[in-house]
Amino acid sequence: MSATWGRERRGFMSLLELIFGCSHKRCSFPITVRGAQRRNPAASLTGTYVACLNCGQEFPYDWNEMKIVRNPSRTAALAVARRRVA
């Protein structure tokens, strides 16, 4: 019974992802790009990014806030303010 339920649940979740897109709940550990390494678009904002383990999409990550950046313009403004203070 549990194996059947597992297959049904996976099928249902795949259908939801097909309709609504990936929820990005499973992400990698934050990756920081240093020095002369080529930065991807997600890392260009903060220098650090995470990748969704289900769909592969990359998101900027803020180590100071310890979360994925959802509003890039606000984070860019905070980064400029922090540089002025330092």
N, C-alpha and C. Protein backbone atom coordinates (compact mmCIF):
# COMPACT_ATOMS: atom_id res chain seq x y z
N MET A 1 0.82 -1.20 0.00
CA MET A 1 0.00 0.00 0.00
C MET A 1 0.86 1.27 0.00
N SER A 2 1.91 1.33 0.80
CA SER A 2 2.72 2.54 0.88
C SER A 2 3.48 2.81 -0.43
N ALA A 3 3.91 1.74 -1.13
CA ALA A 3 4.60 1.95 -2.40
C ALA A 3 3.66 2.54 -3.44
N THR A 4 2.43 2.09 -3.44
CA THR A 4 1.44 2.63 -4.37
C THR A 4 1.16 4.09 -4.04
N TRP A 5 1.00 4.40 -2.77
CA TRP A 5 0.75 5.78 -2.36
C TRP A 5 1.91 6.69 -2.74
N GLY A 6 3.13 6.18 -2.60
CA GLY A 6 4.30 6.97 -2.96
C GLY A 6 4.32 7.32 -4.44
N ARG A 7 3.99 6.34 -5.31
CA ARG A 7 3.94 6.60 -6.74
C ARG A 7 2.83 7.58 -7.09
N GLU A 8 1.68 7.42 -6.45
CA GLU A 8 0.56 8.33 -6.69
C GLU A 8 0.90 9.75 -6.26
N ARG A 9 1.55 9.86 -5.11
CA ARG A 9 1.93 11.19 -4.60
C ARG A 9 2.93 11.86 -5.53
N ARG A 10 3.95 11.11 -5.99
CA ARG A 10 4.95 11.67 -6.92
C ARG A 10 4.28 12.11 -8.22
N GLY A 11 3.35 11.32 -8.71
CA GLY A 11 2.63 11.69 -9.93
C GLY A 11 1.82 12.95 -9.74
N PHE A 12 1.15 13.06 -8.58
CA PHE A 12 0.35 14.24 -8.27
C PHE A 12 1.24 15.47 -8.14
N MET A 13 2.38 15.32 -7.46
CA MET A 13 3.30 16.45 -7.30
C MET A 13 3.88 16.87 -8.65
N SER A 14 4.18 15.92 -9.52
CA SER A 14 4.69 16.25 -10.86
C SER A 14 3.65 17.03 -11.64
N LEU A 15 2.39 16.64 -11.50
CA LEU A 15 1.31 17.35 -12.18
C LEU A 15 1.21 18.79 -11.67
N LEU A 16 1.30 18.98 -10.35
CA LEU A 16 1.26 20.33 -9.78
C LEU A 16 2.44 21.17 -10.27
N GLU A 17 3.64 20.59 -10.32
CA GLU A 17 4.81 21.32 -10.80
C GLU A 17 4.65 21.69 -12.26
N LEU A 18 4.05 20.81 -13.03
CA LEU A 18 3.82 21.10 -14.44
C LEU A 18 2.87 22.28 -14.61
N ILE A 19 1.85 22.36 -13.76
CA ILE A 19 0.86 23.43 -13.85
C ILE A 19 1.39 24.73 -13.23
N PHE A 20 1.94 24.64 -12.02
CA PHE A 20 2.32 25.84 -11.27
C PHE A 20 3.82 26.14 -11.28
N GLY A 21 4.65 25.23 -11.72
CA GLY A 21 6.09 25.43 -11.71
C GLY A 21 6.72 24.84 -10.45
N CYS A 22 8.02 24.91 -10.39
CA CYS A 22 8.77 24.35 -9.26
C CYS A 22 8.63 25.26 -8.03
N SER A 23 8.56 24.63 -6.85
CA SER A 23 8.43 25.41 -5.61
C SER A 23 9.79 25.83 -5.05
N HIS A 24 10.88 25.26 -5.57
CA HIS A 24 12.25 25.59 -5.14
C HIS A 24 12.45 25.38 -3.64
N LYS A 25 11.89 24.31 -3.10
CA LYS A 25 12.04 24.04 -1.66
C LYS A 25 13.35 23.33 -1.33
N ARG A 26 13.94 22.61 -2.28
CA ARG A 26 15.20 21.89 -2.04
C ARG A 26 16.32 22.63 -2.76
N CYS A 27 17.15 23.34 -1.99
CA CYS A 27 18.24 24.12 -2.59
C CYS A 27 19.59 23.64 -2.08
N SER A 28 20.61 23.90 -2.87
CA SER A 28 21.98 23.53 -2.51
C SER A 28 22.49 24.41 -1.37
N PHE A 29 23.63 24.03 -0.82
CA PHE A 29 24.33 24.87 0.14
C PHE A 29 24.81 26.11 -0.62
N PRO A 30 24.85 27.28 0.00
CA PRO A 30 25.31 28.49 -0.70
C PRO A 30 26.72 28.33 -1.27
N ILE A 31 26.89 28.79 -2.51
CA ILE A 31 28.15 28.71 -3.22
C ILE A 31 28.66 30.14 -3.44
N THR A 32 29.88 30.42 -3.00
CA THR A 32 30.46 31.75 -3.17
C THR A 32 31.49 31.71 -4.29
N VAL A 33 31.37 32.62 -5.23
CA VAL A 33 32.29 32.73 -6.35
C VAL A 33 33.35 33.74 -5.96
N ARG A 34 34.62 33.34 -6.05
CA ARG A 34 35.70 34.21 -5.61
C ARG A 34 36.63 34.60 -6.76
N GLY A 35 37.22 35.75 -6.61
CA GLY A 35 38.29 36.19 -7.50
C GLY A 35 37.94 36.25 -8.97
N ALA A 36 38.81 35.67 -9.78
CA ALA A 36 38.69 35.76 -11.24
C ALA A 36 37.74 34.72 -11.82
N GLN A 37 37.13 33.91 -10.96
CA GLN A 37 36.18 32.93 -11.48
C GLN A 37 35.02 33.64 -12.17
N ARG A 38 34.51 33.03 -13.20
CA ARG A 38 33.38 33.60 -13.94
C ARG A 38 32.11 33.53 -13.11
N ARG A 39 31.47 34.66 -12.94
CA ARG A 39 30.24 34.70 -12.14
C ARG A 39 29.01 34.49 -13.00
N ASN A 40 28.11 33.70 -12.50
CA ASN A 40 26.83 33.53 -13.20
C ASN A 40 25.91 34.68 -12.81
N PRO A 41 24.80 34.88 -13.51
CA PRO A 41 23.91 36.01 -13.19
C PRO A 41 23.42 36.02 -11.75
N ALA A 42 23.16 34.87 -11.17
CA ALA A 42 22.67 34.81 -9.79
C ALA A 42 23.74 35.29 -8.81
N ALA A 43 25.00 34.98 -9.07
CA ALA A 43 26.09 35.36 -8.17
C ALA A 43 26.56 36.78 -8.39
N SER A 44 26.17 37.40 -9.47
CA SER A 44 26.67 38.75 -9.76
C SER A 44 26.15 39.79 -8.78
N LEU A 45 25.02 39.53 -8.14
CA LEU A 45 24.44 40.49 -7.20
C LEU A 45 25.15 40.47 -5.85
N THR A 46 25.31 39.29 -5.25
CA THR A 46 25.88 39.20 -3.91
C THR A 46 27.21 38.45 -3.87
N GLY A 47 27.56 37.76 -4.97
CA GLY A 47 28.77 36.94 -4.99
C GLY A 47 28.50 35.52 -4.53
N THR A 48 27.30 35.26 -4.03
CA THR A 48 26.92 33.94 -3.54
C THR A 48 25.57 33.56 -4.12
N TYR A 49 25.40 32.27 -4.41
CA TYR A 49 24.12 31.81 -4.95
C TYR A 49 23.81 30.41 -4.46
N VAL A 50 22.55 30.00 -4.59
CA VAL A 50 22.11 28.64 -4.33
C VAL A 50 21.39 28.15 -5.58
N ALA A 51 21.34 26.85 -5.76
CA ALA A 51 20.66 26.26 -6.91
C ALA A 51 19.56 25.33 -6.42
N CYS A 52 18.41 25.36 -7.09
CA CYS A 52 17.32 24.45 -6.78
C CYS A 52 17.74 23.05 -7.21
N LEU A 53 17.62 22.08 -6.33
CA LEU A 53 18.03 20.72 -6.64
C LEU A 53 17.02 20.00 -7.52
N ASN A 54 15.82 20.54 -7.64
CA ASN A 54 14.80 19.91 -8.48
C ASN A 54 14.86 20.41 -9.92
N CYS A 55 14.96 21.72 -10.12
CA CYS A 55 14.88 22.27 -11.49
C CYS A 55 16.20 22.89 -11.96
N GLY A 56 17.14 23.16 -11.06
CA GLY A 56 18.44 23.70 -11.45
C GLY A 56 18.52 25.22 -11.52
N GLN A 57 17.41 25.91 -11.26
CA GLN A 57 17.44 27.37 -11.31
C GLN A 57 18.32 27.90 -10.19
N GLU A 58 19.06 28.99 -10.46
CA GLU A 58 19.96 29.58 -9.49
C GLU A 58 19.40 30.88 -8.96
N PHE A 59 19.64 31.14 -7.66
CA PHE A 59 19.12 32.33 -6.99
C PHE A 59 20.23 33.01 -6.21
N PRO A 60 20.29 34.34 -6.22
CA PRO A 60 21.26 35.05 -5.37
C PRO A 60 20.97 34.76 -3.90
N TYR A 61 22.04 34.67 -3.10
CA TYR A 61 21.90 34.34 -1.68
C TYR A 61 22.64 35.40 -0.87
N ASP A 62 22.03 35.88 0.19
CA ASP A 62 22.63 36.89 1.06
C ASP A 62 23.11 36.23 2.35
N TRP A 63 24.44 36.17 2.54
CA TRP A 63 24.99 35.54 3.74
C TRP A 63 24.63 36.33 5.00
N ASN A 64 24.53 37.65 4.90
CA ASN A 64 24.21 38.45 6.09
C ASN A 64 22.80 38.17 6.59
N GLU A 65 21.87 38.02 5.68
CA GLU A 65 20.48 37.73 6.05
C GLU A 65 20.21 36.23 6.14
N MET A 66 21.13 35.42 5.61
CA MET A 66 21.02 33.96 5.60
C MET A 66 19.75 33.49 4.88
N LYS A 67 19.49 34.09 3.70
CA LYS A 67 18.32 33.68 2.94
C LYS A 67 18.49 34.03 1.46
N ILE A 68 17.63 33.44 0.64
CA ILE A 68 17.63 33.73 -0.79
C ILE A 68 17.12 35.14 -1.00
N VAL A 69 17.76 35.86 -1.93
CA VAL A 69 17.36 37.23 -2.24
C VAL A 69 16.12 37.17 -3.13
N ARG A 70 15.03 37.73 -2.66
CA ARG A 70 13.79 37.76 -3.43
C ARG A 70 13.59 39.09 -4.14
N ASN A 71 14.15 40.18 -3.59
CA ASN A 71 14.00 41.51 -4.16
C ASN A 71 15.40 42.06 -4.46
N PRO A 72 15.93 41.82 -5.66
CA PRO A 72 17.31 42.22 -5.96
C PRO A 72 17.59 43.71 -5.81
N SER A 73 16.64 44.59 -6.10
CA SER A 73 16.90 46.02 -6.01
C SER A 73 17.12 46.45 -4.55
N ARG A 74 16.39 45.87 -3.63
CA ARG A 74 16.56 46.20 -2.20
C ARG A 74 17.93 45.72 -1.71
N THR A 75 18.33 44.53 -2.11
CA THR A 75 19.62 43.99 -1.70
C THR A 75 20.76 44.81 -2.26
N ALA A 76 20.64 45.26 -3.49
CA ALA A 76 21.69 46.10 -4.08
C ALA A 76 21.82 47.41 -3.32
N ALA A 77 20.71 48.00 -2.91
CA ALA A 77 20.75 49.24 -2.14
C ALA A 77 21.40 49.01 -0.78
N LEU A 78 21.10 47.89 -0.13
CA LEU A 78 21.73 47.58 1.16
C LEU A 78 23.23 47.36 1.02
N ALA A 79 23.65 46.73 -0.07
CA ALA A 79 25.07 46.49 -0.30
C ALA A 79 25.82 47.81 -0.46
N VAL A 80 25.24 48.76 -1.17
CA VAL A 80 25.86 50.08 -1.35
C VAL A 80 25.94 50.79 0.00
N ALA A 81 24.89 50.72 0.80
CA ALA A 81 24.88 51.36 2.11
C ALA A 81 25.94 50.74 3.03
N ARG A 82 26.11 49.43 2.98
CA ARG A 82 27.11 48.78 3.81
C ARG A 82 28.52 49.20 3.42
N ARG A 83 28.77 49.36 2.11
CA ARG A 83 30.09 49.79 1.65
C ARG A 83 30.41 51.19 2.14
N ARG A 84 29.43 52.08 2.18
CA ARG A 84 29.65 53.46 2.64
C ARG A 84 29.99 53.50 4.12
N VAL A 85 29.38 52.61 4.91
CA VAL A 85 29.61 52.57 6.35
C VAL A 85 31.00 52.01 6.64
N ALA A 86 31.41 51.01 5.91
CA ALA A 86 32.68 50.31 6.16
C ALA A 86 33.89 51.09 5.80
